[in-house]
């Protein structure tokens, strides 16, 4: 009967698939697991980030560019009325650096 061979093939295929998934996640290698949707870096939404900047006196943001998952570049008018380029922590909304635009 072909059933024992079929069952053995299915078990082998399932074992290989489970092993490949565990390897891709870094299990057993001492490496950190690969980031997935549940491991995303907590960053502020753009409206929340702009609200934090607005609370500090910045307005008229014309350019908002995410440089990385931790850094956002914003071109806005500063409290002094001058155009400025801000480098902002995407997680906290803290202004890291200010340059005149």
Protein backbone atom coordinates (compact mmCIF):
# COMPACT_ATOMS: atom_id res chain seq x y z
CA UNK A 1 0.00 0.00 0.00
CA UNK A 2 1.26 3.53 -0.78
CA UNK A 3 -0.10 5.05 2.46
CA UNK A 4 3.02 4.48 4.61
CA UNK A 5 5.22 6.11 1.96
CA UNK A 6 2.77 8.99 1.55
CA UNK A 7 2.62 9.53 5.30
CA UNK A 8 6.42 9.42 5.58
CA UNK A 9 6.74 11.95 2.75
CA UNK A 10 4.25 14.31 4.36
CA UNK A 11 6.01 14.08 7.73
CA UNK A 12 9.39 14.75 6.13
CA UNK A 13 8.04 17.72 4.20
CA UNK A 14 6.42 19.17 7.33
CA UNK A 15 9.62 18.71 9.34
CA UNK A 16 11.70 20.45 6.69
CA UNK A 17 9.23 23.34 6.46
CA UNK A 18 9.17 23.80 10.24
CA UNK A 19 12.98 23.69 10.37
CA UNK A 20 13.33 26.23 7.58
CA UNK A 21 10.91 28.59 9.34
CA UNK A 22 12.79 28.24 12.66
CA UNK A 23 16.10 28.86 10.91
CA UNK A 24 14.74 31.98 9.20
CA UNK A 25 13.59 33.29 12.59
CA UNK A 26 17.05 32.73 14.08
CA UNK A 27 16.07 29.91 16.44
CA UNK A 28 19.00 27.91 17.69
CA UNK A 29 21.63 30.14 16.09
CA UNK A 30 22.10 32.55 18.97
CA UNK A 31 21.00 35.34 16.67
CA UNK A 32 18.14 37.66 17.45
CA UNK A 33 14.92 36.81 15.64
CA UNK A 34 14.24 38.65 12.42
CA UNK A 35 11.86 41.56 12.99
CA UNK A 36 8.33 40.91 11.91
CA UNK A 37 5.13 42.93 12.18
CA UNK A 38 4.91 42.37 15.93
CA UNK A 39 8.54 43.48 16.43
CA UNK A 40 8.37 46.79 14.57
CA UNK A 41 10.11 49.76 16.09
CA UNK A 42 7.57 51.99 17.85
CA UNK A 43 7.59 55.26 15.95
CA UNK A 44 5.24 58.21 16.14
CA UNK A 45 2.74 58.68 13.36
CA UNK A 46 3.45 61.69 11.16
CA UNK A 47 0.46 63.66 12.57
CA UNK A 48 1.63 62.96 16.13
CA UNK A 49 5.20 63.97 15.27
CA UNK A 50 4.01 67.21 13.64
CA UNK A 51 1.79 67.92 16.67
CA UNK A 52 4.85 67.64 18.94
CA UNK A 53 6.76 70.05 16.72
CA UNK A 54 3.79 72.43 16.63
CA UNK A 55 3.69 72.43 20.44
CA UNK A 56 7.32 73.63 20.33
CA UNK A 57 6.48 76.53 18.02
CA UNK A 58 7.28 75.02 14.61
CA UNK A 59 4.73 75.50 11.83
CA UNK A 60 4.22 75.19 8.08
CA UNK A 61 6.04 71.88 7.64
CA UNK A 62 6.59 71.67 3.88
CA UNK A 63 8.81 68.63 3.67
CA UNK A 64 8.73 65.57 5.90
CA UNK A 65 11.09 62.75 4.96
CA UNK A 66 11.67 59.56 6.94
CA UNK A 67 15.42 58.93 6.78
CA UNK A 68 15.28 55.68 8.78
CA UNK A 69 13.05 53.98 11.31
CA UNK A 70 14.60 56.28 13.94
CA UNK A 71 15.09 59.58 12.12
CA UNK A 72 12.80 62.05 10.34
CA UNK A 73 13.89 65.19 8.50
CA UNK A 74 11.38 68.05 8.62
CA UNK A 75 11.61 71.43 6.88
CA UNK A 76 9.43 73.90 8.75
CA UNK A 77 9.19 77.48 9.94
CA UNK A 78 10.71 77.88 13.38
CA UNK A 79 9.43 79.92 16.32
CA UNK A 80 11.64 82.80 15.10
CA UNK A 81 9.93 82.82 11.67
CA UNK A 82 12.97 81.42 9.84
CA UNK A 83 12.85 78.29 7.64
CA UNK A 84 14.68 75.48 9.38
CA UNK A 85 15.63 71.90 8.71
CA UNK A 86 14.99 69.68 11.74
CA UNK A 87 16.29 66.21 12.43
CA UNK A 88 13.77 64.57 14.73
CA UNK A 89 13.78 61.28 16.65
CA UNK A 90 10.92 59.31 15.05
CA UNK A 91 10.18 57.47 18.30
CA UNK A 92 10.01 60.38 20.74
CA UNK A 93 9.57 63.52 18.65
CA UNK A 94 12.71 65.00 20.22
CA UNK A 95 14.55 67.49 18.00
CA UNK A 96 18.09 66.20 17.60
CA UNK A 97 19.52 68.89 15.32
CA UNK A 98 18.39 72.21 13.82
CA UNK A 99 19.88 73.81 10.70
CA UNK A 100 18.88 76.98 8.87
CA UNK A 101 17.27 76.11 5.56
